[in-house]
């Protein structure tokens, strides 16, 4: 199975309930023909405040959240990209927002820690977000070699930094994953155009699972999970609520286009 599924959720404050919903969606994705299921950012907890996420931090390689994901991968014989879970850093109050890629045997084959942290004020109501208060930024780009193609890993706010994606493409990425929890305000303004731009600029598939709904903190996330091809065309979308969006990448067609339209090799920098 070479299809990839973007899973949309509207996660709540209870880790176990969110894991159960993730499991349900993973089973649905497998039944629909997916070999890889990609979960959104913060799929495992969207609490009353950011401290709720800190309180369930796990050590890398140990803990009930990671054990549950490994078990789901083995049970359904499916690869899983776990949007983000909090993993311990050197700063006890600031875990990494870590995206883990499990193979179908339940083994972690890649880890990406979110680099860009969302410290902004949004909208007319002046909603303030300070992710750096409770997150440690990552510092390493990751391209994972998988049966589905070479996957460049990223998370949410990373989407606004095109140089990150150009470097992922330079390192061989054919598929870009962007698990996210965009706000409703920024989502309406920029979500689609940014995703399509990253696909077009890099001639990459883009898999963008999102949080989509209302959360106990009072936050509304935009949803509109999308799968986009390397020409920037939206191949599937889910506006709100839980569900699955599927795409089967055609890597041969993608590589042929990259040869005919070699924009990636035409880059010139003025220093």
C-alpha atoms as a PDB file:
ATOM      1  CA  UNK A   1       0.000   0.000   0.000  1.00  0.00           C
ATOM      2  CA  UNK A   2       1.608   3.230  -1.173  1.00  0.00           C
ATOM      3  CA  UNK A   3      -1.200   5.648  -0.346  1.00  0.00           C
ATOM      4  CA  UNK A   4      -0.692   8.275   2.355  1.00  0.00           C
ATOM      5  CA  UNK A   5      -3.467   9.528   4.625  1.00  0.00           C
ATOM      6  CA  UNK A   6      -3.718  12.896   6.366  1.00  0.00           C
ATOM      7  CA  UNK A   7      -5.767  12.463   9.544  1.00  0.00           C
ATOM      8  CA  UNK A   8      -7.762  15.394  10.895  1.00  0.00           C
ATOM      9  CA  UNK A   9      -8.717  15.618  14.562  1.00  0.00           C
ATOM     10  CA  UNK A  10     -10.225  18.046  17.051  1.00  0.00           C
ATOM     11  CA  UNK A  11      -8.210  16.919  20.049  1.00  0.00           C
ATOM     12  CA  UNK A  12      -9.244  17.498  23.639  1.00  0.00           C
ATOM     13  CA  UNK A  13      -7.562  17.509  27.058  1.00  0.00           C
ATOM     14  CA  UNK A  14      -7.652  13.740  27.693  1.00  0.00           C
ATOM     15  CA  UNK A  15      -4.647  11.855  26.315  1.00  0.00           C
ATOM     16  CA  UNK A  16      -6.329   8.443  26.352  1.00  0.00           C
ATOM     17  CA  UNK A  17      -9.419   9.708  24.524  1.00  0.00           C
ATOM     18  CA  UNK A  18      -7.242  11.337  21.873  1.00  0.00           C
ATOM     19  CA  UNK A  19      -5.215   8.155  21.409  1.00  0.00           C
ATOM     20  CA  UNK A  20      -8.430   6.185  20.990  1.00  0.00           C
ATOM     21  CA  UNK A  21      -9.619   8.626  18.316  1.00  0.00           C
ATOM     22  CA  UNK A  22      -6.231   8.482  16.604  1.00  0.00           C
ATOM     23  CA  UNK A  23      -6.488   4.684  16.605  1.00  0.00           C
ATOM     24  CA  UNK A  24      -9.944   4.824  15.059  1.00  0.00           C
ATOM     25  CA  UNK A  25      -8.725   7.110  12.279  1.00  0.00           C
ATOM     26  CA  UNK A  26      -5.614   5.010  11.682  1.00  0.00           C
ATOM     27  CA  UNK A  27      -7.825   1.932  11.245  1.00  0.00           C
ATOM     28  CA  UNK A  28     -10.035   3.898   8.842  1.00  0.00           C
ATOM     29  CA  UNK A  29      -6.991   5.012   6.853  1.00  0.00           C
ATOM     30  CA  UNK A  30      -5.685   1.438   6.644  1.00  0.00           C
ATOM     31  CA  UNK A  31      -9.066   0.164   5.464  1.00  0.00           C
ATOM     32  CA  UNK A  32      -9.057   2.854   2.761  1.00  0.00           C
ATOM     33  CA  UNK A  33      -5.707   1.622   1.451  1.00  0.00           C
ATOM     34  CA  UNK A  34      -3.158   3.788   3.248  1.00  0.00           C
ATOM     35  CA  UNK A  35       0.304   2.516   4.074  1.00  0.00           C
ATOM     36  CA  UNK A  36       1.210   5.679   5.985  1.00  0.00           C
ATOM     37  CA  UNK A  37      -1.060   7.674   8.308  1.00  0.00           C
ATOM     38  CA  UNK A  38      -0.008  11.211   9.294  1.00  0.00           C
ATOM     39  CA  UNK A  39      -1.481  12.671  12.491  1.00  0.00           C
ATOM     40  CA  UNK A  40      -1.806  16.421  13.175  1.00  0.00           C
ATOM     41  CA  UNK A  41       0.207  18.585  15.535  1.00  0.00           C
ATOM     42  CA  UNK A  42      -0.713  18.155  19.218  1.00  0.00           C
ATOM     43  CA  UNK A  43      -2.994  15.252  18.325  1.00  0.00           C
ATOM     44  CA  UNK A  44      -2.362  13.674  21.707  1.00  0.00           C
ATOM     45  CA  UNK A  45      -3.448  16.656  23.838  1.00  0.00           C
ATOM     46  CA  UNK A  46      -5.065  20.066  23.372  1.00  0.00           C
ATOM     47  CA  UNK A  47      -5.562  21.104  26.980  1.00  0.00           C
ATOM     48  CA  UNK A  48      -6.899  24.101  28.846  1.00  0.00           C
ATOM     49  CA  UNK A  49      -3.461  25.701  28.603  1.00  0.00           C
ATOM     50  CA  UNK A  50       0.066  24.958  27.403  1.00  0.00           C
ATOM     51  CA  UNK A  51       1.124  23.600  30.800  1.00  0.00           C
ATOM     52  CA  UNK A  52      -1.211  20.634  30.271  1.00  0.00           C
ATOM     53  CA  UNK A  53       1.018  19.460  27.457  1.00  0.00           C
ATOM     54  CA  UNK A  54       4.158  19.920  29.557  1.00  0.00           C
ATOM     55  CA  UNK A  55       2.663  17.768  32.304  1.00  0.00           C
ATOM     56  CA  UNK A  56       2.446  14.702  30.044  1.00  0.00           C
ATOM     57  CA  UNK A  57       6.016  14.990  28.726  1.00  0.00           C
ATOM     58  CA  UNK A  58       7.723  11.673  28.039  1.00  0.00           C
ATOM     59  CA  UNK A  59      11.346  10.607  27.761  1.00  0.00           C
ATOM     60  CA  UNK A  60      12.223   9.654  24.194  1.00  0.00           C
ATOM     61  CA  UNK A  61      11.703   5.919  23.788  1.00  0.00           C
ATOM     62  CA  UNK A  62       9.590   5.452  26.908  1.00  0.00           C
ATOM     63  CA  UNK A  63       6.045   6.223  28.008  1.00  0.00           C
ATOM     64  CA  UNK A  64       2.404   5.351  27.327  1.00  0.00           C
ATOM     65  CA  UNK A  65       1.942   7.682  24.343  1.00  0.00           C
ATOM     66  CA  UNK A  66       4.912   6.244  22.474  1.00  0.00           C
ATOM     67  CA  UNK A  67       3.958   2.696  23.454  1.00  0.00           C
ATOM     68  CA  UNK A  68       0.429   3.242  22.139  1.00  0.00           C
ATOM     69  CA  UNK A  69       1.712   4.534  18.796  1.00  0.00           C
ATOM     70  CA  UNK A  70       4.090   1.602  18.374  1.00  0.00           C
ATOM     71  CA  UNK A  71       1.256  -0.796  19.215  1.00  0.00           C
ATOM     72  CA  UNK A  72      -1.076   0.846  16.668  1.00  0.00           C
ATOM     73  CA  UNK A  73       1.601   0.598  13.970  1.00  0.00           C
ATOM     74  CA  UNK A  74       2.082  -3.116  14.658  1.00  0.00           C
ATOM     75  CA  UNK A  75      -1.628  -3.836  15.022  1.00  0.00           C
ATOM     76  CA  UNK A  76      -2.608  -2.253  11.710  1.00  0.00           C
ATOM     77  CA  UNK A  77       0.675  -2.976   9.912  1.00  0.00           C
ATOM     78  CA  UNK A  78       0.881   0.670   8.903  1.00  0.00           C
ATOM     79  CA  UNK A  79       3.484   3.413   9.090  1.00  0.00           C
ATOM     80  CA  UNK A  80       2.498   6.274  11.402  1.00  0.00           C
ATOM     81  CA  UNK A  81       3.823   9.812  11.525  1.00  0.00           C
ATOM     82  CA  UNK A  82       2.833  11.117  14.957  1.00  0.00           C
ATOM     83  CA  UNK A  83       2.284  14.855  14.424  1.00  0.00           C
ATOM     84  CA  UNK A  84       3.784  16.019  17.705  1.00  0.00           C
ATOM     85  CA  UNK A  85       4.140  14.686  21.208  1.00  0.00           C
ATOM     86  CA  UNK A  86       6.063  16.396  24.044  1.00  0.00           C
ATOM     87  CA  UNK A  87       9.481  14.814  24.624  1.00  0.00           C
ATOM     88  CA  UNK A  88      11.856  15.824  27.379  1.00  0.00           C
ATOM     89  CA  UNK A  89      14.628  18.324  26.713  1.00  0.00           C
ATOM     90  CA  UNK A  90      17.417  19.643  28.939  1.00  0.00           C
ATOM     91  CA  UNK A  91      14.940  22.274  30.174  1.00  0.00           C
ATOM     92  CA  UNK A  92      12.360  20.469  32.329  1.00  0.00           C
ATOM     93  CA  UNK A  93       9.585  22.988  31.610  1.00  0.00           C
ATOM     94  CA  UNK A  94      10.184  23.163  27.865  1.00  0.00           C
ATOM     95  CA  UNK A  95       9.891  19.801  26.086  1.00  0.00           C
ATOM     96  CA  UNK A  96      10.492  19.375  22.384  1.00  0.00           C
ATOM     97  CA  UNK A  97       7.447  19.257  20.127  1.00  0.00           C
ATOM     98  CA  UNK A  98       8.591  16.019  18.514  1.00  0.00           C
ATOM     99  CA  UNK A  99       7.271  14.393  15.375  1.00  0.00           C
ATOM    100  CA  UNK A 100       8.007  10.659  15.351  1.00  0.00           C
ATOM    101  CA  UNK A 101       7.878   8.374  12.310  1.00  0.00           C
ATOM    102  CA  UNK A 102       7.058   4.724  13.086  1.00  0.00           C
ATOM    103  CA  UNK A 103       7.415   1.897  10.594  1.00  0.00           C
ATOM    104  CA  UNK A 104       4.830  -0.876  10.333  1.00  0.00           C
ATOM    105  CA  UNK A 105       6.731  -2.918  12.928  1.00  0.00           C
ATOM    106  CA  UNK A 106       6.345  -0.165  15.511  1.00  0.00           C
ATOM    107  CA  UNK A 107       9.947   1.026  15.354  1.00  0.00           C
ATOM    108  CA  UNK A 108      10.830   4.733  15.283  1.00  0.00           C
ATOM    109  CA  UNK A 109      12.811   5.376  12.105  1.00  0.00           C
ATOM    110  CA  UNK A 110      12.924   9.197  12.234  1.00  0.00           C
ATOM    111  CA  UNK A 111      12.406  12.027  14.703  1.00  0.00           C
ATOM    112  CA  UNK A 112      11.968  15.730  13.969  1.00  0.00           C
ATOM    113  CA  UNK A 113      11.762  18.401  16.669  1.00  0.00           C
ATOM    114  CA  UNK A 114       9.791  21.496  15.626  1.00  0.00           C
ATOM    115  CA  UNK A 115      12.258  24.268  14.832  1.00  0.00           C
ATOM    116  CA  UNK A 116      10.106  27.402  14.517  1.00  0.00           C
ATOM    117  CA  UNK A 117       7.977  28.291  17.542  1.00  0.00           C
ATOM    118  CA  UNK A 118       4.743  30.288  17.290  1.00  0.00           C
ATOM    119  CA  UNK A 119       5.305  33.473  19.335  1.00  0.00           C
ATOM    120  CA  UNK A 120       2.754  35.874  17.864  1.00  0.00           C
ATOM    121  CA  UNK A 121      -0.355  37.952  18.483  1.00  0.00           C
ATOM    122  CA  UNK A 122      -3.254  37.017  16.196  1.00  0.00           C
ATOM    123  CA  UNK A 123      -6.465  38.668  15.037  1.00  0.00           C
ATOM    124  CA  UNK A 124      -8.693  41.489  16.207  1.00  0.00           C
ATOM    125  CA  UNK A 125      -9.046  39.864  19.633  1.00  0.00           C
ATOM    126  CA  UNK A 126      -5.261  39.964  20.051  1.00  0.00           C
ATOM    127  CA  UNK A 127      -4.888  36.271  20.890  1.00  0.00           C
ATOM    128  CA  UNK A 128      -1.367  35.790  22.236  1.00  0.00           C
ATOM    129  CA  UNK A 129       0.633  32.631  21.565  1.00  0.00           C
ATOM    130  CA  UNK A 130       4.055  32.074  23.141  1.00  0.00           C
ATOM    131  CA  UNK A 131       5.125  28.542  22.259  1.00  0.00           C
ATOM    132  CA  UNK A 132       8.691  29.240  23.324  1.00  0.00           C
ATOM    133  CA  UNK A 133       7.525  29.498  26.957  1.00  0.00           C
ATOM    134  CA  UNK A 134       6.707  25.777  26.996  1.00  0.00           C
ATOM    135  CA  UNK A 135       8.664  24.376  24.033  1.00  0.00           C
ATOM    136  CA  UNK A 136      12.319  23.882  23.249  1.00  0.00           C
ATOM    137  CA  UNK A 137      13.091  24.541  19.559  1.00  0.00           C
ATOM    138  CA  UNK A 138      14.697  21.819  17.509  1.00  0.00           C
ATOM    139  CA  UNK A 139      17.812  22.411  15.436  1.00  0.00           C
ATOM    140  CA  UNK A 140      18.017  19.580  12.889  1.00  0.00           C
ATOM    141  CA  UNK A 141      16.367  19.109   9.497  1.00  0.00           C
ATOM    142  CA  UNK A 142      15.164  15.576   8.769  1.00  0.00           C
ATOM    143  CA  UNK A 143      14.581  13.727   5.496  1.00  0.00           C
ATOM    144  CA  UNK A 144      13.447  10.134   6.026  1.00  0.00           C
ATOM    145  CA  UNK A 145      13.828   7.402   3.392  1.00  0.00           C
ATOM    146  CA  UNK A 146      10.591   5.372   3.328  1.00  0.00           C
ATOM    147  CA  UNK A 147       8.724   2.985   1.010  1.00  0.00           C
ATOM    148  CA  UNK A 148       6.508   5.948   0.076  1.00  0.00           C
ATOM    149  CA  UNK A 149       9.359   8.211  -0.993  1.00  0.00           C
ATOM    150  CA  UNK A 150      11.803  10.538   0.725  1.00  0.00           C
ATOM    151  CA  UNK A 151       9.851  12.463   3.365  1.00  0.00           C
ATOM    152  CA  UNK A 152      10.868  15.929   4.553  1.00  0.00           C
ATOM    153  CA  UNK A 153       9.524  16.511   8.048  1.00  0.00           C
ATOM    154  CA  UNK A 154       8.172  19.791   9.417  1.00  0.00           C
ATOM    155  CA  UNK A 155       5.476  21.121  11.759  1.00  0.00           C
ATOM    156  CA  UNK A 156       2.899  23.925  11.490  1.00  0.00           C
ATOM    157  CA  UNK A 157       4.652  27.317  11.932  1.00  0.00           C
ATOM    158  CA  UNK A 158       7.632  25.956   9.966  1.00  0.00           C
ATOM    159  CA  UNK A 159       5.378  26.440   6.936  1.00  0.00           C
ATOM    160  CA  UNK A 160       6.139  30.174   6.919  1.00  0.00           C
ATOM    161  CA  UNK A 161       9.861  29.626   6.362  1.00  0.00           C
ATOM    162  CA  UNK A 162      10.408  28.597   2.730  1.00  0.00           C
ATOM    163  CA  UNK A 163      14.165  28.213   3.130  1.00  0.00           C
ATOM    164  CA  UNK A 164      13.559  25.189   5.369  1.00  0.00           C
ATOM    165  CA  UNK A 165      11.622  23.425   2.603  1.00  0.00           C
ATOM    166  CA  UNK A 166      14.118  24.339  -0.088  1.00  0.00           C
ATOM    167  CA  UNK A 167      16.826  22.706   1.985  1.00  0.00           C
ATOM    168  CA  UNK A 168      14.653  19.623   2.511  1.00  0.00           C
ATOM    169  CA  UNK A 169      14.182  19.423  -1.264  1.00  0.00           C
ATOM    170  CA  UNK A 170      17.919  19.904  -1.796  1.00  0.00           C
ATOM    171  CA  UNK A 171      18.453  16.928   0.514  1.00  0.00           C
ATOM    172  CA  UNK A 172      16.177  14.819  -1.671  1.00  0.00           C
ATOM    173  CA  UNK A 173      12.689  15.242  -0.207  1.00  0.00           C
ATOM    174  CA  UNK A 174       9.876  14.187  -2.544  1.00  0.00           C
ATOM    175  CA  UNK A 175       7.066  14.461   0.011  1.00  0.00           C
ATOM    176  CA  UNK A 176       6.705  17.215   2.606  1.00  0.00           C
ATOM    177  CA  UNK A 177       4.653  16.563   5.737  1.00  0.00           C
ATOM    178  CA  UNK A 178       3.208  19.497   7.686  1.00  0.00           C
ATOM    179  CA  UNK A 179       1.190  18.314  10.716  1.00  0.00           C
ATOM    180  CA  UNK A 180      -0.465  21.478  12.022  1.00  0.00           C
ATOM    181  CA  UNK A 181      -2.851  23.242  14.367  1.00  0.00           C
ATOM    182  CA  UNK A 182      -3.367  26.527  12.510  1.00  0.00           C
ATOM    183  CA  UNK A 183      -5.564  29.110  14.186  1.00  0.00           C
ATOM    184  CA  UNK A 184      -8.851  29.885  12.464  1.00  0.00           C
ATOM    185  CA  UNK A 185      -7.696  33.433  11.679  1.00  0.00           C
ATOM    186  CA  UNK A 186      -4.327  32.549  10.147  1.00  0.00           C
ATOM    187  CA  UNK A 187      -5.787  29.477   8.482  1.00  0.00           C
ATOM    188  CA  UNK A 188      -8.404  31.454   6.596  1.00  0.00           C
ATOM    189  CA  UNK A 189      -5.768  33.936   5.458  1.00  0.00           C
ATOM    190  CA  UNK A 190      -2.768  31.791   4.609  1.00  0.00           C
ATOM    191  CA  UNK A 191      -3.111  27.996   5.042  1.00  0.00           C
ATOM    192  CA  UNK A 192      -3.925  26.977   1.483  1.00  0.00           C
ATOM    193  CA  UNK A 193      -1.681  29.483  -0.262  1.00  0.00           C
ATOM    194  CA  UNK A 194       1.340  28.568   1.871  1.00  0.00           C
ATOM    195  CA  UNK A 195       0.853  24.832   1.401  1.00  0.00           C
ATOM    196  CA  UNK A 196       0.439  25.144  -2.346  1.00  0.00           C
ATOM    197  CA  UNK A 197       3.429  27.459  -2.564  1.00  0.00           C
ATOM    198  CA  UNK A 198       5.676  24.951  -0.765  1.00  0.00           C
ATOM    199  CA  UNK A 199       4.493  22.227  -3.169  1.00  0.00           C
ATOM    200  CA  UNK A 200       5.033  24.367  -6.274  1.00  0.00           C
ATOM    201  CA  UNK A 201       8.396  25.822  -5.226  1.00  0.00           C
ATOM    202  CA  UNK A 202       9.892  22.428  -4.511  1.00  0.00           C
ATOM    203  CA  UNK A 203       7.927  20.184  -6.899  1.00  0.00           C
ATOM    204  CA  UNK A 204       6.974  18.105  -3.880  1.00  0.00           C
ATOM    205  CA  UNK A 205       3.859  16.390  -2.649  1.00  0.00           C
ATOM    206  CA  UNK A 206       2.542  18.019   0.531  1.00  0.00           C
ATOM    207  CA  UNK A 207       0.662  16.095   3.228  1.00  0.00           C
ATOM    208  CA  UNK A 208      -0.919  18.503   5.708  1.00  0.00           C
ATOM    209  CA  UNK A 209      -3.076  16.975   8.483  1.00  0.00           C
ATOM    210  CA  UNK A 210      -4.596  19.567  10.804  1.00  0.00           C
ATOM    211  CA  UNK A 211      -6.531  20.152  13.947  1.00  0.00           C
ATOM    212  CA  UNK A 212     -10.018  21.235  12.925  1.00  0.00           C
ATOM    213  CA  UNK A 213     -12.583  22.285  15.489  1.00  0.00           C
ATOM    214  CA  UNK A 214     -13.214  23.858  18.887  1.00  0.00           C
ATOM    215  CA  UNK A 215     -11.024  23.110  21.909  1.00  0.00           C
ATOM    216  CA  UNK A 216     -11.530  23.438  25.671  1.00  0.00           C
ATOM    217  CA  UNK A 217      -9.024  26.288  25.849  1.00  0.00           C
ATOM    218  CA  UNK A 218     -11.429  28.359  23.752  1.00  0.00           C
ATOM    219  CA  UNK A 219      -9.168  28.057  20.721  1.00  0.00           C
ATOM    220  CA  UNK A 220     -10.632  27.341  17.286  1.00  0.00           C
ATOM    221  CA  UNK A 221      -8.407  25.557  14.797  1.00  0.00           C
ATOM    222  CA  UNK A 222      -8.883  25.940  11.071  1.00  0.00           C
ATOM    223  CA  UNK A 223      -8.887  22.340   9.863  1.00  0.00           C
ATOM    224  CA  UNK A 224      -8.939  22.006   6.062  1.00  0.00           C
ATOM    225  CA  UNK A 225      -6.460  19.121   6.062  1.00  0.00           C
ATOM    226  CA  UNK A 226      -5.062  18.814   2.554  1.00  0.00           C
ATOM    227  CA  UNK A 227      -3.070  16.549   0.290  1.00  0.00           C
ATOM    228  CA  UNK A 228      -1.422  18.409  -2.598  1.00  0.00           C
ATOM    229  CA  UNK A 229       0.532  17.171  -5.581  1.00  0.00           C
ATOM    230  CA  UNK A 230       3.898  18.414  -6.861  1.00  0.00           C
ATOM    231  CA  UNK A 231       2.179  20.821  -9.322  1.00  0.00           C
ATOM    232  CA  UNK A 232       0.330  22.518  -6.495  1.00  0.00           C
ATOM    233  CA  UNK A 233      -3.063  20.921  -7.139  1.00  0.00           C
ATOM    234  CA  UNK A 234      -5.223  20.023  -4.140  1.00  0.00           C
ATOM    235  CA  UNK A 235      -6.044  16.314  -4.431  1.00  0.00           C
ATOM    236  CA  UNK A 236      -8.159  16.060  -1.304  1.00  0.00           C
ATOM    237  CA  UNK A 237      -9.398  18.239   1.543  1.00  0.00           C
ATOM    238  CA  UNK A 238     -11.458  17.950   4.738  1.00  0.00           C
ATOM    239  CA  UNK A 239     -12.860  21.177   6.149  1.00  0.00           C
ATOM    240  CA  UNK A 240     -13.808  20.421   9.760  1.00  0.00           C
ATOM    241  CA  UNK A 241     -14.105  17.558  12.218  1.00  0.00           C
ATOM    242  CA  UNK A 242     -12.375  14.192  12.332  1.00  0.00           C
ATOM    243  CA  UNK A 243     -11.622  12.270   9.167  1.00  0.00           C
ATOM    244  CA  UNK A 244      -9.173  10.989   6.587  1.00  0.00           C
ATOM    245  CA  UNK A 245      -7.857  12.473   3.328  1.00  0.00           C
ATOM    246  CA  UNK A 246      -5.964  10.107   1.029  1.00  0.00           C
ATOM    247  CA  UNK A 247      -3.467  10.431  -1.825  1.00  0.00           C
ATOM    248  CA  UNK A 248      -1.285   7.932  -3.671  1.00  0.00           C
ATOM    249  CA  UNK A 249       1.896   9.690  -4.813  1.00  0.00           C
ATOM    250  CA  UNK A 250       3.144   8.934  -8.327  1.00  0.00           C
ATOM    251  CA  UNK A 251       6.877   9.306  -7.783  1.00  0.00           C
ATOM    252  CA  UNK A 252       7.795   8.311 -11.334  1.00  0.00           C
ATOM    253  CA  UNK A 253       5.638  11.096 -12.763  1.00  0.00           C
ATOM    254  CA  UNK A 254       7.061  13.513 -10.216  1.00  0.00           C
ATOM    255  CA  UNK A 255      10.652  12.627 -11.131  1.00  0.00           C
ATOM    256  CA  UNK A 256       9.896  12.900 -14.834  1.00  0.00           C
ATOM    257  CA  UNK A 257       8.486  16.386 -14.329  1.00  0.00           C
ATOM    258  CA  UNK A 258      11.495  17.408 -12.269  1.00  0.00           C
ATOM    259  CA  UNK A 259      13.690  16.408 -15.207  1.00  0.00           C
ATOM    260  CA  UNK A 260      11.590  18.343 -17.747  1.00  0.00           C
ATOM    261  CA  UNK A 261      11.138  21.341 -15.462  1.00  0.00           C
ATOM    262  CA  UNK A 262      14.413  21.466 -13.503  1.00  0.00           C
ATOM    263  CA  UNK A 263      13.656  24.529 -11.388  1.00  0.00           C
ATOM    264  CA  UNK A 264      15.444  23.025  -8.385  1.00  0.00           C
ATOM    265  CA  UNK A 265      18.750  23.083 -10.268  1.00  0.00           C
ATOM    266  CA  UNK A 266      18.299  26.676 -11.497  1.00  0.00           C
ATOM    267  CA  UNK A 267      18.628  28.335  -8.106  1.00  0.00           C
ATOM    268  CA  UNK A 268      21.062  31.268  -7.985  1.00  0.00           C
ATOM    269  CA  UNK A 269      21.826  33.216  -4.821  1.00  0.00           C
ATOM    270  CA  UNK A 270      23.055  36.789  -4.680  1.00  0.00           C
ATOM    271  CA  UNK A 271      25.155  37.057  -1.520  1.00  0.00           C
END
